[in-house]
């Protein structure tokens, strides 16, 4: 169970960082609606939340 939580925490951290730094290219590639700034902002918020979730999992796991 501990290894599973470690894996989930690390994957969550990596995905969060990826969403924060590459939000604009991800939105341009996968979404095609009018207001892209709101989508970029939403993706960065999602990345931040994933980053926080992953760090909490890792902190309380070890």
PDB file of N, CA and C in Angstrom:
ATOM      1  N   UNK A   1       0.827  -1.196   0.000  1.00  0.00           N
ATOM      2  CA  UNK A   1       0.000   0.000   0.000  1.00  0.00           C
ATOM      3  C   UNK A   1       0.869   1.257   0.000  1.00  0.00           C
ATOM      4  N   UNK A   2       1.987   1.191   0.718  1.00  0.00           N
ATOM      5  CA  UNK A   2       2.870   2.351   0.792  1.00  0.00           C
ATOM      6  C   UNK A   2       3.511   2.668  -0.552  1.00  0.00           C
ATOM      7  N   UNK A   3       3.888   1.646  -1.272  1.00  0.00           N
ATOM      8  CA  UNK A   3       4.508   1.842  -2.583  1.00  0.00           C
ATOM      9  C   UNK A   3       3.477   2.412  -3.560  1.00  0.00           C
ATOM     10  N   UNK A   4       2.249   1.944  -3.459  1.00  0.00           N
ATOM     11  CA  UNK A   4       1.180   2.461  -4.323  1.00  0.00           C
ATOM     12  C   UNK A   4       0.951   3.948  -4.064  1.00  0.00           C
ATOM     13  N   UNK A   5       0.902   4.356  -2.791  1.00  0.00           N
ATOM     14  CA  UNK A   5       0.720   5.768  -2.470  1.00  0.00           C
ATOM     15  C   UNK A   5       1.928   6.599  -2.905  1.00  0.00           C
ATOM     16  N   UNK A   6       3.119   6.031  -2.786  1.00  0.00           N
ATOM     17  CA  UNK A   6       4.312   6.714  -3.261  1.00  0.00           C
ATOM     18  C   UNK A   6       4.237   6.942  -4.766  1.00  0.00           C
ATOM     19  N   UNK A   7       3.822   5.929  -5.506  1.00  0.00           N
ATOM     20  CA  UNK A   7       3.685   6.037  -6.953  1.00  0.00           C
ATOM     21  C   UNK A   7       2.633   7.078  -7.333  1.00  0.00           C
ATOM     22  N   UNK A   8       1.494   7.052  -6.681  1.00  0.00           N
ATOM     23  CA  UNK A   8       0.422   8.018  -6.953  1.00  0.00           C
ATOM     24  C   UNK A   8       0.887   9.439  -6.637  1.00  0.00           C
ATOM     25  N   UNK A   9       1.603   9.627  -5.548  1.00  0.00           N
ATOM     26  CA  UNK A   9       2.103  10.938  -5.177  1.00  0.00           C
ATOM     27  C   UNK A   9       3.095  11.482  -6.189  1.00  0.00           C
ATOM     28  N   UNK A  10       4.022  10.642  -6.629  1.00  0.00           N
ATOM     29  CA  UNK A  10       5.029  11.086  -7.602  1.00  0.00           C
ATOM     30  C   UNK A  10       4.388  11.395  -8.948  1.00  0.00           C
ATOM     31  N   UNK A  11       3.461  10.555  -9.388  1.00  0.00           N
ATOM     32  CA  UNK A  11       2.774  10.812 -10.662  1.00  0.00           C
ATOM     33  C   UNK A  11       1.964  12.105 -10.586  1.00  0.00           C
ATOM     34  N   UNK A  12       1.328  12.336  -9.461  1.00  0.00           N
ATOM     35  CA  UNK A  12       0.564  13.563  -9.282  1.00  0.00           C
ATOM     36  C   UNK A  12       1.475  14.792  -9.313  1.00  0.00           C
ATOM     37  N   UNK A  13       2.628  14.709  -8.670  1.00  0.00           N
ATOM     38  CA  UNK A  13       3.578  15.818  -8.701  1.00  0.00           C
ATOM     39  C   UNK A  13       4.068  16.106 -10.110  1.00  0.00           C
ATOM     40  N   UNK A  14       4.425  15.062 -10.831  1.00  0.00           N
ATOM     41  CA  UNK A  14       4.952  15.243 -12.188  1.00  0.00           C
ATOM     42  C   UNK A  14       3.876  15.822 -13.115  1.00  0.00           C
ATOM     43  N   UNK A  15       2.667  15.316 -13.024  1.00  0.00           N
ATOM     44  CA  UNK A  15       1.578  15.846 -13.864  1.00  0.00           C
ATOM     45  C   UNK A  15       1.265  17.296 -13.506  1.00  0.00           C
ATOM     46  N   UNK A  16       1.302  17.625 -12.231  1.00  0.00           N
ATOM     47  CA  UNK A  16       1.052  19.000 -11.814  1.00  0.00           C
ATOM     48  C   UNK A  16       2.081  19.968 -12.363  1.00  0.00           C
ATOM     49  N   UNK A  17       3.346  19.598 -12.283  1.00  0.00           N
ATOM     50  CA  UNK A  17       4.406  20.458 -12.817  1.00  0.00           C
ATOM     51  C   UNK A  17       4.284  20.578 -14.332  1.00  0.00           C
ATOM     52  N   UNK A  18       3.973  19.484 -15.001  1.00  0.00           N
ATOM     53  CA  UNK A  18       3.799  19.501 -16.460  1.00  0.00           C
ATOM     54  C   UNK A  18       2.652  20.426 -16.859  1.00  0.00           C
ATOM     55  N   UNK A  19       1.539  20.373 -16.130  1.00  0.00           N
ATOM     56  CA  UNK A  19       0.400  21.235 -16.447  1.00  0.00           C
ATOM     57  C   UNK A  19       0.727  22.706 -16.200  1.00  0.00           C
ATOM     58  N   UNK A  20       1.505  22.998 -15.173  1.00  0.00           N
ATOM     59  CA  UNK A  20       1.831  24.393 -14.881  1.00  0.00           C
ATOM     60  C   UNK A  20       2.747  24.974 -15.957  1.00  0.00           C
ATOM     61  N   UNK A  21       3.798  24.261 -16.299  1.00  0.00           N
ATOM     62  CA  UNK A  21       4.787  24.824 -17.221  1.00  0.00           C
ATOM     63  C   UNK A  21       4.387  24.731 -18.689  1.00  0.00           C
ATOM     64  N   UNK A  22       3.626  23.740 -19.072  1.00  0.00           N
ATOM     65  CA  UNK A  22       3.264  23.563 -20.477  1.00  0.00           C
ATOM     66  C   UNK A  22       1.778  23.768 -20.727  1.00  0.00           C
ATOM     67  N   UNK A  23       1.157  24.684 -20.022  1.00  0.00           N
ATOM     68  CA  UNK A  23      -0.285  24.887 -20.166  1.00  0.00           C
ATOM     69  C   UNK A  23      -0.633  25.429 -21.545  1.00  0.00           C
ATOM     70  N   UNK A  24       0.120  26.384 -22.034  1.00  0.00           N
ATOM     71  CA  UNK A  24      -0.206  27.006 -23.319  1.00  0.00           C
ATOM     72  C   UNK A  24      -0.087  26.016 -24.480  1.00  0.00           C
ATOM     73  N   UNK A  25       1.009  25.256 -24.610  1.00  0.00           N
ATOM     74  CA  UNK A  25       1.062  24.277 -25.719  1.00  0.00           C
ATOM     75  C   UNK A  25       0.015  23.169 -25.608  1.00  0.00           C
ATOM     76  N   UNK A  26      -0.307  22.762 -24.397  1.00  0.00           N
ATOM     77  CA  UNK A  26      -1.329  21.727 -24.212  1.00  0.00           C
ATOM     78  C   UNK A  26      -2.692  22.246 -24.681  1.00  0.00           C
ATOM     79  N   UNK A  27      -3.027  23.475 -24.308  1.00  0.00           N
ATOM     80  CA  UNK A  27      -4.316  24.047 -24.709  1.00  0.00           C
ATOM     81  C   UNK A  27      -4.371  24.235 -26.220  1.00  0.00           C
ATOM     82  N   UNK A  28      -3.291  24.692 -26.816  1.00  0.00           N
ATOM     83  CA  UNK A  28      -3.278  24.889 -28.273  1.00  0.00           C
ATOM     84  C   UNK A  28      -3.421  23.569 -29.017  1.00  0.00           C
ATOM     85  N   UNK A  29      -2.861  22.503 -28.459  1.00  0.00           N
ATOM     86  CA  UNK A  29      -2.889  21.217 -29.152  1.00  0.00           C
ATOM     87  C   UNK A  29      -4.227  20.491 -28.999  1.00  0.00           C
ATOM     88  N   UNK A  30      -4.808  20.498 -27.809  1.00  0.00           N
ATOM     89  CA  UNK A  30      -5.968  19.648 -27.542  1.00  0.00           C
ATOM     90  C   UNK A  30      -7.314  20.361 -27.506  1.00  0.00           C
ATOM     91  N   UNK A  31      -7.334  21.665 -27.311  1.00  0.00           N
ATOM     92  CA  UNK A  31      -8.600  22.392 -27.213  1.00  0.00           C
ATOM     93  C   UNK A  31      -8.696  23.403 -28.337  1.00  0.00           C
ATOM     94  N   UNK A  32      -9.886  23.572 -28.849  1.00  0.00           N
ATOM     95  CA  UNK A  32     -10.056  24.532 -29.943  1.00  0.00           C
ATOM     96  C   UNK A  32     -11.300  25.387 -29.717  1.00  0.00           C
ATOM     97  N   UNK A  33     -11.383  26.019 -28.577  1.00  0.00           N
ATOM     98  CA  UNK A  33     -12.492  26.936 -28.359  1.00  0.00           C
ATOM     99  C   UNK A  33     -11.953  28.347 -28.197  1.00  0.00           C
ATOM    100  N   UNK A  34     -12.855  29.322 -28.184  1.00  0.00           N
ATOM    101  CA  UNK A  34     -12.505  30.720 -28.312  1.00  0.00           C
ATOM    102  C   UNK A  34     -11.564  31.291 -27.268  1.00  0.00           C
ATOM    103  N   UNK A  35     -11.938  31.256 -26.017  1.00  0.00           N
ATOM    104  CA  UNK A  35     -11.140  31.933 -24.994  1.00  0.00           C
ATOM    105  C   UNK A  35     -10.105  30.986 -24.419  1.00  0.00           C
ATOM    106  N   UNK A  36      -8.920  31.054 -24.953  1.00  0.00           N
ATOM    107  CA  UNK A  36      -7.854  30.143 -24.531  1.00  0.00           C
ATOM    108  C   UNK A  36      -7.207  30.582 -23.229  1.00  0.00           C
ATOM    109  N   UNK A  37      -7.293  31.863 -22.883  1.00  0.00           N
ATOM    110  CA  UNK A  37      -6.680  32.328 -21.639  1.00  0.00           C
ATOM    111  C   UNK A  37      -7.346  31.705 -20.421  1.00  0.00           C
ATOM    112  N   UNK A  38      -8.667  31.543 -20.472  1.00  0.00           N
ATOM    113  CA  UNK A  38      -9.362  30.902 -19.356  1.00  0.00           C
ATOM    114  C   UNK A  38      -8.989  29.437 -19.252  1.00  0.00           C
ATOM    115  N   UNK A  39      -8.802  28.776 -20.383  1.00  0.00           N
ATOM    116  CA  UNK A  39      -8.412  27.364 -20.370  1.00  0.00           C
ATOM    117  C   UNK A  39      -7.000  27.216 -19.825  1.00  0.00           C
ATOM    118  N   UNK A  40      -6.110  28.117 -20.177  1.00  0.00           N
ATOM    119  CA  UNK A  40      -4.735  28.075 -19.669  1.00  0.00           C
ATOM    120  C   UNK A  40      -4.733  28.305 -18.165  1.00  0.00           C
ATOM    121  N   UNK A  41      -5.522  29.280 -17.719  1.00  0.00           N
ATOM    122  CA  UNK A  41      -5.618  29.546 -16.287  1.00  0.00           C
ATOM    123  C   UNK A  41      -6.181  28.338 -15.538  1.00  0.00           C
ATOM    124  N   UNK A  42      -7.206  27.709 -16.089  1.00  0.00           N
ATOM    125  CA  UNK A  42      -7.787  26.523 -15.464  1.00  0.00           C
ATOM    126  C   UNK A  42      -6.821  25.366 -15.408  1.00  0.00           C
ATOM    127  N   UNK A  43      -6.028  25.188 -16.453  1.00  0.00           N
ATOM    128  CA  UNK A  43      -5.046  24.107 -16.472  1.00  0.00           C
ATOM    129  C   UNK A  43      -3.935  24.362 -15.460  1.00  0.00           C
ATOM    130  N   UNK A  44      -3.546  25.618 -15.290  1.00  0.00           N
ATOM    131  CA  UNK A  44      -2.529  25.944 -14.291  1.00  0.00           C
ATOM    132  C   UNK A  44      -3.057  25.732 -12.876  1.00  0.00           C
ATOM    133  N   UNK A  45      -4.315  26.063 -12.648  1.00  0.00           N
ATOM    134  CA  UNK A  45      -4.928  25.812 -11.340  1.00  0.00           C
ATOM    135  C   UNK A  45      -5.003  24.316 -11.067  1.00  0.00           C
ATOM    136  N   UNK A  46      -5.393  23.538 -12.075  1.00  0.00           N
ATOM    137  CA  UNK A  46      -5.435  22.083 -11.933  1.00  0.00           C
ATOM    138  C   UNK A  46      -4.051  21.531 -11.623  1.00  0.00           C
ATOM    139  N   UNK A  47      -3.034  22.034 -12.302  1.00  0.00           N
ATOM    140  CA  UNK A  47      -1.671  21.608 -12.040  1.00  0.00           C
ATOM    141  C   UNK A  47      -1.230  21.946 -10.633  1.00  0.00           C
ATOM    142  N   UNK A  48      -1.599  23.123 -10.154  1.00  0.00           N
ATOM    143  CA  UNK A  48      -1.253  23.512  -8.792  1.00  0.00           C
ATOM    144  C   UNK A  48      -1.925  22.607  -7.769  1.00  0.00           C
ATOM    145  N   UNK A  49      -3.194  22.290  -8.001  1.00  0.00           N
ATOM    146  CA  UNK A  49      -3.907  21.403  -7.076  1.00  0.00           C
ATOM    147  C   UNK A  49      -3.313  19.995  -7.083  1.00  0.00           C
ATOM    148  N   UNK A  50      -2.941  19.505  -8.261  1.00  0.00           N
ATOM    149  CA  UNK A  50      -2.286  18.198  -8.331  1.00  0.00           C
ATOM    150  C   UNK A  50      -0.942  18.214  -7.611  1.00  0.00           C
ATOM    151  N   UNK A  51      -0.220  19.305  -7.741  1.00  0.00           N
ATOM    152  CA  UNK A  51       1.059  19.457  -7.063  1.00  0.00           C
ATOM    153  C   UNK A  51       0.883  19.418  -5.545  1.00  0.00           C
ATOM    154  N   UNK A  52      -0.104  20.127  -5.046  1.00  0.00           N
ATOM    155  CA  UNK A  52      -0.380  20.139  -3.610  1.00  0.00           C
ATOM    156  C   UNK A  52      -0.830  18.768  -3.131  1.00  0.00           C
ATOM    157  N   UNK A  53      -1.714  18.119  -3.888  1.00  0.00           N
ATOM    158  CA  UNK A  53      -2.206  16.790  -3.520  1.00  0.00           C
ATOM    159  C   UNK A  53      -1.067  15.777  -3.468  1.00  0.00           C
ATOM    160  N   UNK A  54      -0.215  15.779  -4.474  1.00  0.00           N
ATOM    161  CA  UNK A  54       0.910  14.853  -4.501  1.00  0.00           C
ATOM    162  C   UNK A  54       1.882  15.087  -3.371  1.00  0.00           C
ATOM    163  N   UNK A  55       2.137  16.351  -3.046  1.00  0.00           N
ATOM    164  CA  UNK A  55       3.068  16.625  -1.957  1.00  0.00           C
ATOM    165  C   UNK A  55       2.479  16.243  -0.602  1.00  0.00           C
ATOM    166  N   UNK A  56       1.177  16.405  -0.431  1.00  0.00           N
ATOM    167  CA  UNK A  56       0.534  15.977   0.821  1.00  0.00           C
ATOM    168  C   UNK A  56       0.588  14.464   0.951  1.00  0.00           C
ATOM    169  N   UNK A  57       0.336  13.749  -0.139  1.00  0.00           N
ATOM    170  CA  UNK A  57       0.410  12.290  -0.112  1.00  0.00           C
ATOM    171  C   UNK A  57       1.818  11.838   0.268  1.00  0.00           C
ATOM    172  N   UNK A  58       2.830  12.440  -0.348  1.00  0.00           N
ATOM    173  CA  UNK A  58       4.207  12.057  -0.035  1.00  0.00           C
ATOM    174  C   UNK A  58       4.604  12.446   1.375  1.00  0.00           C
ATOM    175  N   UNK A  59       4.140  13.581   1.846  1.00  0.00           N
ATOM    176  CA  UNK A  59       4.494  14.032   3.186  1.00  0.00           C
ATOM    177  C   UNK A  59       3.926  13.104   4.258  1.00  0.00           C
ATOM    178  N   UNK A  60       2.682  12.706   4.119  1.00  0.00           N
ATOM    179  CA  UNK A  60       2.063  11.868   5.135  1.00  0.00           C
ATOM    180  C   UNK A  60       2.348  10.387   4.932  1.00  0.00           C
ATOM    181  N   UNK A  61       2.891  10.014   3.776  1.00  0.00           N
ATOM    182  CA  UNK A  61       3.233   8.618   3.522  1.00  0.00           C
ATOM    183  C   UNK A  61       4.556   8.265   4.192  1.00  0.00           C
ATOM    184  N   UNK A  62       5.486   9.218   4.255  1.00  0.00           N
ATOM    185  CA  UNK A  62       6.799   8.933   4.858  1.00  0.00           C
ATOM    186  C   UNK A  62       7.092   9.852   5.993  1.00  0.00           C
TER     187      UNK A  62
END
